[in-house]
Amino acid sequence: QVHLVESGGGQVQTGASLKLSCAASGEMFNRFTTAWFRQAPEKEREFLAAITWGGRPYYADSAKGRFTISGDAGTSGGNTYNSVILEMNSLNATDTGIYYCAADLSLPAGDITSIARYKYWGPGTQVAVSP
C-alpha cells in the first residue's frame, strides 16, 4: 500500500513561487510514475507534470517553463521514504486550486496524463494566488 501526502501549499501573491512536496511511504517510490494534478474551483482536475522512475519529466503546456518536477529519494528507519517536488514560479490567479500528487507503477508514456491510470492519490494541498 502506498500512502501519499502533499505539503507546501499556501496563499501567495501573483508572481510568487511555491515548492510543493509529495511524500510517499509504504513502497519503493522510485518504481513509480509520480504526477501532480490540479483542480481549480469549479473545474475538472487537470494534469500538470509527471516524472518517471527513471527521472524523465513530462509537463502540460500550462506548466512548461514555469513548473519543474523532480524526485528526491531518502530513507528513514525501516521504511523507504521518497518525495517528488513541484517547484512553481511566476504564479498567477489561474494557478489557484487544490494540488494533488498521484502515483502508480511505471506507466507508458501515452497514459501519463490520464487521471484514471493513477491508483494512489494524496489528499491534496491548497494553493491560492491573489492579485
Foldseek 3Di string as FASTA:
>chain_A
DKAKAKDWADEEAAFAKTKMKIKIKDDDQLQKKKFKWWDAPPGDIWTAKIAHSVGDIDGDPVNPPFKDKGKAWDCDPPITMIMIMIIGGRDDQVRWGWMKMFIDGGDPPVCSGPPVVTDYIYPTDGHGYHD
